[in-house]
Amino acid sequence: MPIVFVIPGPLREFSGQRSEVQVVGPARTVGDALALLWEECPGARDRVLTERGEVRPHVNVFVDGENIRYAGGLAAPVPIDAEIMIVPAVSGGQEKHHPPRVAPAGGSDTQATGGELRRCSWARTPLSIEYHDHEWGVPVHDDIVFFEFLTLEGAQAGLSWETILRKREAYRLAFAGFDPARVARFTPVRIEKLLKDPGIVRNRLKVESTVTNAKAFLKVQKEFGSFDAYVWRFVDGVPRLEGRRSLQDVPARTAESDALSRDLLSRGFKFVGSTICYAFMQATGLVNDHTVDCFRYGR
């Protein structure tokens, strides 16, 4: 039986753009299986492992849903028909730099100076601060990440974003690393299993809409070449920098989010109302809505 590797977007340049790669050969451990993958995908090794042969800090490797960091590492045994998923530890349009010095959480729009940073007032908890400082508003051009935020923003409807951030890794596992090609193939049995997963929002309409959206997402990719090429048209290919002075100045929707919502709905997407679309545009950097006194403004 072959071992199936799920390949994330950033590594597909080495797999011929395949989202799945099957390998056959003797493999008792994760390390053995990865060695077979490197034969199929030359060049991918350096993106996943360090020079010392260790999994890079920003990469997670899951074997049948279990993170090898907590289950034996590269020496962990591999079933003969295993599914191995390689995913970023933090996804999104994340900047590659060391975290800046941060101000204490819970302040106002204008955090104290003196070497500390000012940030948007909604970033108050460690989780939201990390997300605000490194992802929110950073332009995305990876289709896997776009599908992730379509899924998460739709799941948020009626809930807080903090709740969704806490469930993010559970969503990543439940929805195949946010690979739309795999999610589009989810069966009714798989959906019923997801509805019993306490790590995600167990709302039938939201779970079923994710599968529906995956199918619609693939059609967009086929028509435009990528979802990236499709969605950036709604802001003419350039992030909108709105210059909001405070959180109260940030709208719930705009003409651009209205247009995106209408188009997505016409293509069969669900949970893509204009308010959700605007939050999606903010998250993926089509719009930079950091307030003017925030250190992330204009960056």
C-alpha atoms as a PDB file:
ATOM      1  CA  MET A   1       0.000   0.000   0.000  1.00  0.00           C
ATOM      2  CA  PRO A   2       1.335   3.491  -0.834  1.00  0.00           C
ATOM      3  CA  ILE A   3       1.983   6.219   1.702  1.00  0.00           C
ATOM      4  CA  VAL A   4       0.078   9.379   0.790  1.00  0.00           C
ATOM      5  CA  PHE A   5       1.680  12.784   1.389  1.00  0.00           C
ATOM      6  CA  VAL A   6      -0.531  15.882   1.481  1.00  0.00           C
ATOM      7  CA  ILE A   7       1.546  18.689  -0.035  1.00  0.00           C
ATOM      8  CA  PRO A   8       0.912  22.319   1.049  1.00  0.00           C
ATOM      9  CA  GLY A   9       0.853  25.169  -1.453  1.00  0.00           C
ATOM     10  CA  PRO A  10       4.398  26.455  -0.765  1.00  0.00           C
ATOM     11  CA  LEU A  11       5.901  23.030  -1.574  1.00  0.00           C
ATOM     12  CA  ARG A  12       3.979  22.308  -4.743  1.00  0.00           C
ATOM     13  CA  GLU A  13       6.667  23.846  -6.903  1.00  0.00           C
ATOM     14  CA  PHE A  14       8.590  20.661  -6.117  1.00  0.00           C
ATOM     15  CA  SER A  15       5.684  18.260  -6.701  1.00  0.00           C
ATOM     16  CA  GLY A  16       4.581  19.444 -10.124  1.00  0.00           C
ATOM     17  CA  GLN A  17       1.721  21.351  -8.433  1.00  0.00           C
ATOM     18  CA  ARG A  18       0.280  18.093  -7.094  1.00  0.00           C
ATOM     19  CA  SER A  19      -1.599  18.358  -3.787  1.00  0.00           C
ATOM     20  CA  GLU A  20      -0.982  14.664  -3.119  1.00  0.00           C
ATOM     21  CA  VAL A  21       2.080  12.522  -3.719  1.00  0.00           C
ATOM     22  CA  GLN A  22       2.059   8.754  -3.267  1.00  0.00           C
ATOM     23  CA  VAL A  23       5.272   6.936  -2.468  1.00  0.00           C
ATOM     24  CA  VAL A  24       5.957   3.221  -2.381  1.00  0.00           C
ATOM     25  CA  GLY A  25       8.947   1.619  -0.723  1.00  0.00           C
ATOM     26  CA  PRO A  26      10.331   0.365   2.578  1.00  0.00           C
ATOM     27  CA  ALA A  27       9.529   2.918   5.257  1.00  0.00           C
ATOM     28  CA  ARG A  28       9.417   1.985   8.917  1.00  0.00           C
ATOM     29  CA  THR A  29       9.658   5.546  10.220  1.00  0.00           C
ATOM     30  CA  VAL A  30       8.574   9.058   9.272  1.00  0.00           C
ATOM     31  CA  GLY A  31      12.182   9.771   8.344  1.00  0.00           C
ATOM     32  CA  ASP A  32      12.191   6.805   5.950  1.00  0.00           C
ATOM     33  CA  ALA A  33       8.930   7.973   4.374  1.00  0.00           C
ATOM     34  CA  LEU A  34      10.229  11.514   3.932  1.00  0.00           C
ATOM     35  CA  ALA A  35      13.337  10.151   2.220  1.00  0.00           C
ATOM     36  CA  LEU A  36      11.034   8.548  -0.356  1.00  0.00           C
ATOM     37  CA  LEU A  37       9.223  11.864  -0.757  1.00  0.00           C
ATOM     38  CA  TRP A  38      12.482  13.695  -1.478  1.00  0.00           C
ATOM     39  CA  GLU A  39      13.060  11.287  -4.390  1.00  0.00           C
ATOM     40  CA  GLU A  40       9.662  12.261  -5.814  1.00  0.00           C
ATOM     41  CA  CYS A  41      10.001  15.965  -4.989  1.00  0.00           C
ATOM     42  CA  PRO A  42      13.644  17.050  -5.300  1.00  0.00           C
ATOM     43  CA  GLY A  43      14.287  20.307  -3.500  1.00  0.00           C
ATOM     44  CA  ALA A  44      11.467  19.963  -0.985  1.00  0.00           C
ATOM     45  CA  ARG A  45      13.719  18.596   1.734  1.00  0.00           C
ATOM     46  CA  ASP A  46      15.383  21.929   2.499  1.00  0.00           C
ATOM     47  CA  ARG A  47      11.989  23.540   3.042  1.00  0.00           C
ATOM     48  CA  VAL A  48      10.955  20.914   5.615  1.00  0.00           C
ATOM     49  CA  LEU A  49      14.194  19.858   7.357  1.00  0.00           C
ATOM     50  CA  THR A  50      17.167  21.755   8.690  1.00  0.00           C
ATOM     51  CA  GLU A  51      20.748  20.958   7.686  1.00  0.00           C
ATOM     52  CA  ARG A  52      20.900  18.722  10.758  1.00  0.00           C
ATOM     53  CA  GLY A  53      17.946  16.737   9.470  1.00  0.00           C
ATOM     54  CA  GLU A  54      15.413  18.056  11.995  1.00  0.00           C
ATOM     55  CA  VAL A  55      11.911  19.302  11.194  1.00  0.00           C
ATOM     56  CA  ARG A  56      12.037  23.080  10.890  1.00  0.00           C
ATOM     57  CA  PRO A  57      10.321  25.050  13.695  1.00  0.00           C
ATOM     58  CA  HIS A  58       7.775  26.613  11.327  1.00  0.00           C
ATOM     59  CA  VAL A  59       6.690  23.235   9.879  1.00  0.00           C
ATOM     60  CA  ASN A  60       4.436  20.549  11.354  1.00  0.00           C
ATOM     61  CA  VAL A  61       4.258  16.963  10.117  1.00  0.00           C
ATOM     62  CA  PHE A  62       1.163  14.926  10.931  1.00  0.00           C
ATOM     63  CA  VAL A  63       0.862  11.149  10.505  1.00  0.00           C
ATOM     64  CA  ASP A  64      -2.792  10.116  10.328  1.00  0.00           C
ATOM     65  CA  GLY A  65      -3.684  13.304  12.193  1.00  0.00           C
ATOM     66  CA  GLU A  66      -1.023  13.077  14.928  1.00  0.00           C
ATOM     67  CA  ASN A  67       1.755  15.656  15.153  1.00  0.00           C
ATOM     68  CA  ILE A  68       5.098  13.827  15.185  1.00  0.00           C
ATOM     69  CA  ARG A  69       6.580  16.509  17.450  1.00  0.00           C
ATOM     70  CA  TYR A  70       4.659  14.828  20.258  1.00  0.00           C
ATOM     71  CA  ALA A  71       4.803  11.264  18.969  1.00  0.00           C
ATOM     72  CA  GLY A  72       8.413  10.238  18.427  1.00  0.00           C
ATOM     73  CA  GLY A  73       9.561  12.749  15.830  1.00  0.00           C
ATOM     74  CA  LEU A  74      11.181  11.432  12.657  1.00  0.00           C
ATOM     75  CA  ALA A  75      11.677   8.076  14.375  1.00  0.00           C
ATOM     76  CA  ALA A  76       7.915   7.626  14.796  1.00  0.00           C
ATOM     77  CA  PRO A  77       6.594   4.476  13.110  1.00  0.00           C
ATOM     78  CA  VAL A  78       4.563   4.779   9.921  1.00  0.00           C
ATOM     79  CA  PRO A  79       1.626   2.492   9.025  1.00  0.00           C
ATOM     80  CA  ILE A  80       1.899   1.011   5.540  1.00  0.00           C
ATOM     81  CA  ASP A  81      -1.093   3.033   4.294  1.00  0.00           C
ATOM     82  CA  ALA A  82      -0.463   6.222   6.272  1.00  0.00           C
ATOM     83  CA  GLU A  83      -1.509   9.725   5.278  1.00  0.00           C
ATOM     84  CA  ILE A  84       1.238  12.234   6.079  1.00  0.00           C
ATOM     85  CA  MET A  85       0.369  15.915   6.055  1.00  0.00           C
ATOM     86  CA  ILE A  86       2.978  18.685   5.944  1.00  0.00           C
ATOM     87  CA  VAL A  87       1.633  22.068   7.030  1.00  0.00           C
ATOM     88  CA  PRO A  88       3.061  25.393   8.234  1.00  0.00           C
ATOM     89  CA  ALA A  89       2.972  25.846  12.003  1.00  0.00           C
ATOM     90  CA  VAL A  90       1.502  29.323  11.360  1.00  0.00           C
ATOM     91  CA  SER A  91      -0.165  29.936   8.047  1.00  0.00           C
ATOM     92  CA  GLY A  92      -1.132  33.143   6.329  1.00  0.00           C
ATOM     93  CA  GLY A  93       0.760  35.929   4.687  1.00  0.00           C
ATOM     94  CA  GLN A  94       3.240  35.887   7.530  1.00  0.00           C
ATOM     95  CA  GLU A  95       6.287  38.068   7.453  1.00  0.00           C
ATOM     96  CA  LYS A  96       9.649  36.400   7.941  1.00  0.00           C
ATOM     97  CA  HIS A  97      11.151  38.475  10.741  1.00  0.00           C
ATOM     98  CA  HIS A  98      11.726  38.245  14.453  1.00  0.00           C
ATOM     99  CA  PRO A  99       8.760  39.349  16.576  1.00  0.00           C
ATOM    100  CA  PRO A 100       9.026  43.028  17.512  1.00  0.00           C
ATOM    101  CA  ARG A 101       8.984  44.240  21.077  1.00  0.00           C
ATOM    102  CA  VAL A 102       5.333  44.429  22.033  1.00  0.00           C
ATOM    103  CA  ALA A 103       3.419  46.683  24.352  1.00  0.00           C
ATOM    104  CA  PRO A 104       1.256  45.253  27.142  1.00  0.00           C
ATOM    105  CA  ALA A 105      -2.133  43.927  26.026  1.00  0.00           C
ATOM    106  CA  GLY A 106      -5.338  45.703  26.906  1.00  0.00           C
ATOM    107  CA  GLY A 107      -4.303  49.257  26.094  1.00  0.00           C
ATOM    108  CA  SER A 108      -6.004  51.883  23.977  1.00  0.00           C
ATOM    109  CA  ASP A 109      -5.498  52.778  20.325  1.00  0.00           C
ATOM    110  CA  THR A 110      -2.400  54.767  21.329  1.00  0.00           C
ATOM    111  CA  GLN A 111      -0.132  52.525  23.330  1.00  0.00           C
ATOM    112  CA  ALA A 112       2.598  54.240  25.335  1.00  0.00           C
ATOM    113  CA  THR A 113       5.775  55.006  23.457  1.00  0.00           C
ATOM    114  CA  GLY A 114       9.242  54.683  24.961  1.00  0.00           C
ATOM    115  CA  GLY A 115      10.315  51.797  22.727  1.00  0.00           C
ATOM    116  CA  GLU A 116       7.017  49.900  22.875  1.00  0.00           C
ATOM    117  CA  LEU A 117       4.611  49.487  20.011  1.00  0.00           C
ATOM    118  CA  ARG A 118       1.252  51.005  19.313  1.00  0.00           C
ATOM    119  CA  ARG A 119      -1.315  48.662  17.834  1.00  0.00           C
ATOM    120  CA  CYS A 120      -5.009  48.467  16.924  1.00  0.00           C
ATOM    121  CA  SER A 121      -7.177  48.421  20.039  1.00  0.00           C
ATOM    122  CA  TRP A 122      -8.858  45.083  19.241  1.00  0.00           C
ATOM    123  CA  ALA A 123      -5.572  43.193  19.738  1.00  0.00           C
ATOM    124  CA  ARG A 124      -5.732  42.613  23.483  1.00  0.00           C
ATOM    125  CA  THR A 125      -4.910  38.943  24.190  1.00  0.00           C
ATOM    126  CA  PRO A 126      -1.652  37.100  23.482  1.00  0.00           C
ATOM    127  CA  LEU A 127      -3.340  35.143  20.687  1.00  0.00           C
ATOM    128  CA  SER A 128      -4.908  38.180  19.020  1.00  0.00           C
ATOM    129  CA  ILE A 129      -1.715  40.218  19.430  1.00  0.00           C
ATOM    130  CA  GLU A 130       0.340  37.529  17.694  1.00  0.00           C
ATOM    131  CA  TYR A 131      -2.210  37.367  14.871  1.00  0.00           C
ATOM    132  CA  HIS A 132      -2.445  41.161  14.585  1.00  0.00           C
ATOM    133  CA  ASP A 133       1.320  41.700  14.559  1.00  0.00           C
ATOM    134  CA  HIS A 134       2.241  39.042  12.011  1.00  0.00           C
ATOM    135  CA  GLU A 135      -0.746  38.165   9.804  1.00  0.00           C
ATOM    136  CA  TRP A 136      -3.700  40.556   9.774  1.00  0.00           C
ATOM    137  CA  GLY A 137      -3.472  42.834   6.763  1.00  0.00           C
ATOM    138  CA  VAL A 138      -0.402  41.177   5.226  1.00  0.00           C
ATOM    139  CA  PRO A 139      -1.094  40.551   1.494  1.00  0.00           C
ATOM    140  CA  VAL A 140      -1.710  36.878   0.736  1.00  0.00           C
ATOM    141  CA  HIS A 141      -0.981  35.196  -2.589  1.00  0.00           C
ATOM    142  CA  ASP A 142      -1.274  31.531  -1.571  1.00  0.00           C
ATOM    143  CA  ASP A 143      -4.519  29.792  -2.551  1.00  0.00           C
ATOM    144  CA  ILE A 144      -4.332  27.436   0.421  1.00  0.00           C
ATOM    145  CA  VAL A 145      -4.297  30.438   2.733  1.00  0.00           C
ATOM    146  CA  PHE A 146      -7.174  32.082   0.904  1.00  0.00           C
ATOM    147  CA  PHE A 147      -9.252  28.935   1.365  1.00  0.00           C
ATOM    148  CA  GLU A 148      -8.256  28.818   5.026  1.00  0.00           C
ATOM    149  CA  PHE A 149      -9.579  32.312   5.659  1.00  0.00           C
ATOM    150  CA  LEU A 150     -12.755  31.730   3.664  1.00  0.00           C
ATOM    151  CA  THR A 151     -13.356  28.750   5.937  1.00  0.00           C
ATOM    152  CA  LEU A 152     -12.456  30.486   9.188  1.00  0.00           C
ATOM    153  CA  GLU A 153     -14.335  33.712   8.437  1.00  0.00           C
ATOM    154  CA  GLY A 154     -17.440  31.716   7.546  1.00  0.00           C
ATOM    155  CA  ALA A 155     -17.098  29.685  10.732  1.00  0.00           C
ATOM    156  CA  GLN A 156     -16.883  32.885  12.764  1.00  0.00           C
ATOM    157  CA  ALA A 157     -20.388  34.037  11.844  1.00  0.00           C
ATOM    158  CA  GLY A 158     -22.109  34.682  15.184  1.00  0.00           C
ATOM    159  CA  LEU A 159     -18.934  34.023  17.189  1.00  0.00           C
ATOM    160  CA  SER A 160     -15.844  35.974  18.249  1.00  0.00           C
ATOM    161  CA  TRP A 161     -12.629  35.876  16.200  1.00  0.00           C
ATOM    162  CA  GLU A 162     -10.760  34.907  19.367  1.00  0.00           C
ATOM    163  CA  THR A 163     -12.853  31.727  19.513  1.00  0.00           C
ATOM    164  CA  ILE A 164     -11.918  30.877  15.930  1.00  0.00           C
ATOM    165  CA  LEU A 165      -8.227  31.568  16.523  1.00  0.00           C
ATOM    166  CA  ARG A 166      -8.283  29.106  19.420  1.00  0.00           C
ATOM    167  CA  LYS A 167      -9.831  26.491  17.138  1.00  0.00           C
ATOM    168  CA  ARG A 168      -7.584  27.214  14.164  1.00  0.00           C
ATOM    169  CA  GLU A 169      -5.253  24.238  14.468  1.00  0.00           C
ATOM    170  CA  ALA A 170      -8.199  21.894  15.013  1.00  0.00           C
ATOM    171  CA  TYR A 171      -9.699  23.255  11.792  1.00  0.00           C
ATOM    172  CA  ARG A 172      -6.415  22.673  10.000  1.00  0.00           C
ATOM    173  CA  LEU A 173      -6.500  19.005  10.982  1.00  0.00           C
ATOM    174  CA  ALA A 174     -10.215  18.552  10.354  1.00  0.00           C
ATOM    175  CA  PHE A 175     -10.109  20.133   6.894  1.00  0.00           C
ATOM    176  CA  ALA A 176      -7.004  18.496   5.418  1.00  0.00           C
ATOM    177  CA  GLY A 177      -4.654  21.423   5.886  1.00  0.00           C
ATOM    178  CA  PHE A 178      -7.223  23.661   4.130  1.00  0.00           C
ATOM    179  CA  ASP A 179      -6.503  21.968   0.815  1.00  0.00           C
ATOM    180  CA  PRO A 180      -9.636  22.641  -1.286  1.00  0.00           C
ATOM    181  CA  ALA A 181      -8.934  19.701  -3.598  1.00  0.00           C
ATOM    182  CA  ARG A 182      -9.108  17.308  -0.668  1.00  0.00           C
ATOM    183  CA  VAL A 183     -11.993  19.012   1.112  1.00  0.00           C
ATOM    184  CA  ALA A 184     -14.043  18.935  -2.101  1.00  0.00           C
ATOM    185  CA  ARG A 185     -13.899  15.131  -1.921  1.00  0.00           C
ATOM    186  CA  PHE A 186     -15.264  14.894   1.627  1.00  0.00           C
ATOM    187  CA  THR A 187     -18.108  12.377   1.749  1.00  0.00           C
ATOM    188  CA  PRO A 188     -21.311  12.559   3.816  1.00  0.00           C
ATOM    189  CA  VAL A 189     -19.704  10.068   6.202  1.00  0.00           C
ATOM    190  CA  ARG A 190     -16.698  12.365   6.630  1.00  0.00           C
ATOM    191  CA  ILE A 191     -19.020  15.303   7.295  1.00  0.00           C
ATOM    192  CA  GLU A 192     -20.875  13.372  10.001  1.00  0.00           C
ATOM    193  CA  LYS A 193     -17.546  12.580  11.624  1.00  0.00           C
ATOM    194  CA  LEU A 194     -16.621  16.277  11.596  1.00  0.00           C
ATOM    195  CA  LEU A 195     -19.884  17.158  13.311  1.00  0.00           C
ATOM    196  CA  LYS A 196     -18.652  15.151  16.297  1.00  0.00           C
ATOM    197  CA  ASP A 197     -15.297  16.951  16.443  1.00  0.00           C
ATOM    198  CA  PRO A 198     -15.269  19.197  19.543  1.00  0.00           C
ATOM    199  CA  GLY A 199     -12.311  21.160  18.154  1.00  0.00           C
ATOM    200  CA  ILE A 200     -14.363  22.924  15.483  1.00  0.00           C
ATOM    201  CA  VAL A 201     -17.680  24.762  15.325  1.00  0.00           C
ATOM    202  CA  ARG A 202     -20.117  21.871  14.985  1.00  0.00           C
ATOM    203  CA  ASN A 203     -22.714  23.656  12.918  1.00  0.00           C
ATOM    204  CA  ARG A 204     -23.980  21.495  10.073  1.00  0.00           C
ATOM    205  CA  LEU A 205     -24.576  24.380   7.682  1.00  0.00           C
ATOM    206  CA  LYS A 206     -21.065  25.750   8.256  1.00  0.00           C
ATOM    207  CA  VAL A 207     -19.381  22.361   7.873  1.00  0.00           C
ATOM    208  CA  GLU A 208     -21.334  21.479   4.751  1.00  0.00           C
ATOM    209  CA  SER A 209     -20.702  24.935   3.300  1.00  0.00           C
ATOM    210  CA  THR A 210     -16.946  24.386   3.618  1.00  0.00           C
ATOM    211  CA  VAL A 211     -17.202  21.350   1.339  1.00  0.00           C
ATOM    212  CA  THR A 212     -19.478  23.268  -1.045  1.00  0.00           C
ATOM    213  CA  ASN A 213     -17.039  26.187  -1.062  1.00  0.00           C
ATOM    214  CA  ALA A 214     -14.112  23.883  -1.785  1.00  0.00           C
ATOM    215  CA  LYS A 215     -15.836  22.686  -4.951  1.00  0.00           C
ATOM    216  CA  ALA A 216     -16.642  26.259  -6.002  1.00  0.00           C
ATOM    217  CA  PHE A 217     -13.062  27.296  -5.173  1.00  0.00           C
ATOM    218  CA  LEU A 218     -11.678  24.665  -7.559  1.00  0.00           C
ATOM    219  CA  LYS A 219     -13.900  26.005 -10.337  1.00  0.00           C
ATOM    220  CA  VAL A 220     -12.557  29.514  -9.756  1.00  0.00           C
ATOM    221  CA  GLN A 221      -9.004  28.182  -9.915  1.00  0.00           C
ATOM    222  CA  LYS A 222      -9.774  26.436 -13.186  1.00  0.00           C
ATOM    223  CA  GLU A 223     -11.318  29.569 -14.705  1.00  0.00           C
ATOM    224  CA  PHE A 224      -8.736  32.134 -13.556  1.00  0.00           C
ATOM    225  CA  GLY A 225      -5.650  29.985 -13.054  1.00  0.00           C
ATOM    226  CA  SER A 226      -5.688  30.653  -9.311  1.00  0.00           C
ATOM    227  CA  PHE A 227      -7.972  32.089  -6.671  1.00  0.00           C
ATOM    228  CA  ASP A 228      -5.245  34.665  -6.097  1.00  0.00           C
ATOM    229  CA  ALA A 229      -5.626  35.979  -9.652  1.00  0.00           C
ATOM    230  CA  TYR A 230      -9.385  36.064  -9.221  1.00  0.00           C
ATOM    231  CA  VAL A 231      -9.751  37.804  -5.862  1.00  0.00           C
ATOM    232  CA  TRP A 232      -7.170  40.575  -6.267  1.00  0.00           C
ATOM    233  CA  ARG A 233      -9.187  41.966  -9.196  1.00  0.00           C
ATOM    234  CA  PHE A 234     -11.661  43.355  -6.665  1.00  0.00           C
ATOM    235  CA  VAL A 235      -9.064  45.849  -5.426  1.00  0.00           C
ATOM    236  CA  ASP A 236      -7.335  46.310  -8.789  1.00  0.00           C
ATOM    237  CA  GLY A 237      -4.379  44.259  -7.628  1.00  0.00           C
ATOM    238  CA  VAL A 238      -3.263  46.764  -4.966  1.00  0.00           C
ATOM    239  CA  PRO A 239      -4.000  46.612  -1.203  1.00  0.00           C
ATOM    240  CA  ARG A 240      -6.383  49.340  -0.082  1.00  0.00           C
ATOM    241  CA  LEU A 241      -4.843  51.568   2.593  1.00  0.00           C
ATOM    242  CA  GLU A 242      -7.799  53.350   4.132  1.00  0.00           C
ATOM    243  CA  GLY A 243      -6.221  55.500   6.853  1.00  0.00           C
ATOM    244  CA  ARG A 244      -8.674  54.715   9.661  1.00  0.00           C
ATOM    245  CA  ARG A 245      -8.078  56.869  12.720  1.00  0.00           C
ATOM    246  CA  SER A 246      -9.858  54.542  15.166  1.00  0.00           C
ATOM    247  CA  LEU A 247     -11.694  51.234  15.322  1.00  0.00           C
ATOM    248  CA  GLN A 248     -14.978  53.132  15.108  1.00  0.00           C
ATOM    249  CA  ASP A 249     -13.995  54.334  11.626  1.00  0.00           C
ATOM    250  CA  VAL A 250     -13.716  50.784  10.245  1.00  0.00           C
ATOM    251  CA  PRO A 251     -16.876  49.827   8.305  1.00  0.00           C
ATOM    252  CA  ALA A 252     -18.548  46.436   8.399  1.00  0.00           C
ATOM    253  CA  ARG A 253     -18.727  46.341   4.598  1.00  0.00           C
ATOM    254  CA  THR A 254     -17.657  48.321   1.553  1.00  0.00           C
ATOM    255  CA  ALA A 255     -18.539  48.550  -2.117  1.00  0.00           C
ATOM    256  CA  GLU A 256     -15.649  46.172  -2.843  1.00  0.00           C
ATOM    257  CA  SER A 257     -16.829  43.575  -0.321  1.00  0.00           C
ATOM    258  CA  ASP A 258     -20.356  43.909  -1.719  1.00  0.00           C
ATOM    259  CA  ALA A 259     -19.022  43.144  -5.194  1.00  0.00           C
ATOM    260  CA  LEU A 260     -16.949  40.198  -3.984  1.00  0.00           C
ATOM    261  CA  SER A 261     -19.889  38.797  -2.048  1.00  0.00           C
ATOM    262  CA  ARG A 262     -22.241  39.027  -5.026  1.00  0.00           C
ATOM    263  CA  ASP A 263     -19.752  37.322  -7.295  1.00  0.00           C
ATOM    264  CA  LEU A 264     -18.940  34.524  -4.862  1.00  0.00           C
ATOM    265  CA  LEU A 265     -22.632  33.872  -4.227  1.00  0.00           C
ATOM    266  CA  SER A 266     -23.268  33.700  -7.964  1.00  0.00           C
ATOM    267  CA  ARG A 267     -20.550  31.026  -8.159  1.00  0.00           C
ATOM    268  CA  GLY A 268     -22.186  28.882  -5.506  1.00  0.00           C
ATOM    269  CA  PHE A 269     -20.199  29.863  -2.406  1.00  0.00           C
ATOM    270  CA  LYS A 270     -21.968  29.859   0.974  1.00  0.00           C
ATOM    271  CA  PHE A 271     -21.432  32.012   4.088  1.00  0.00           C
ATOM    272  CA  VAL A 272     -19.940  34.798   1.988  1.00  0.00           C
ATOM    273  CA  GLY A 273     -22.108  37.778   2.852  1.00  0.00           C
ATOM    274  CA  SER A 274     -20.559  41.201   2.444  1.00  0.00           C
ATOM    275  CA  THR A 275     -19.595  41.529   6.120  1.00  0.00           C
ATOM    276  CA  ILE A 276     -17.815  38.168   6.034  1.00  0.00           C
ATOM    277  CA  CYS A 277     -16.140  39.127   2.758  1.00  0.00           C
ATOM    278  CA  TYR A 278     -14.845  42.374   4.218  1.00  0.00           C
ATOM    279  CA  ALA A 279     -13.358  40.536   7.195  1.00  0.00           C
ATOM    280  CA  PHE A 280     -11.789  38.131   4.690  1.00  0.00           C
ATOM    281  CA  MET A 281     -10.328  41.038   2.723  1.00  0.00           C
ATOM    282  CA  GLN A 282      -8.874  42.530   5.908  1.00  0.00           C
ATOM    283  CA  ALA A 283      -7.371  39.216   6.985  1.00  0.00           C
ATOM    284  CA  THR A 284      -5.712  38.515   3.638  1.00  0.00           C
ATOM    285  CA  GLY A 285      -4.342  41.994   3.052  1.00  0.00           C
ATOM    286  CA  LEU A 286      -6.579  43.104   0.209  1.00  0.00           C
ATOM    287  CA  VAL A 287      -7.382  45.894   2.658  1.00  0.00           C
ATOM    288  CA  ASN A 288      -5.007  47.300   5.271  1.00  0.00           C
ATOM    289  CA  ASP A 289      -7.297  48.490   8.047  1.00  0.00           C
ATOM    290  CA  HIS A 290      -4.685  49.015  10.726  1.00  0.00           C
ATOM    291  CA  THR A 291      -5.380  52.384  12.321  1.00  0.00           C
ATOM    292  CA  VAL A 292      -2.969  55.186  11.490  1.00  0.00           C
ATOM    293  CA  ASP A 293      -1.330  55.077  14.927  1.00  0.00           C
ATOM    294  CA  CYS A 294      -0.666  51.323  14.732  1.00  0.00           C
ATOM    295  CA  PHE A 295       2.887  50.186  13.977  1.00  0.00           C
ATOM    296  CA  ARG A 296       1.455  47.901  11.282  1.00  0.00           C
ATOM    297  CA  TYR A 297      -0.175  50.751   9.377  1.00  0.00           C
ATOM    298  CA  GLY A 298       1.071  50.917   5.812  1.00  0.00           C
ATOM    299  CA  ARG A 299       3.376  47.917   6.186  1.00  0.00           C
END
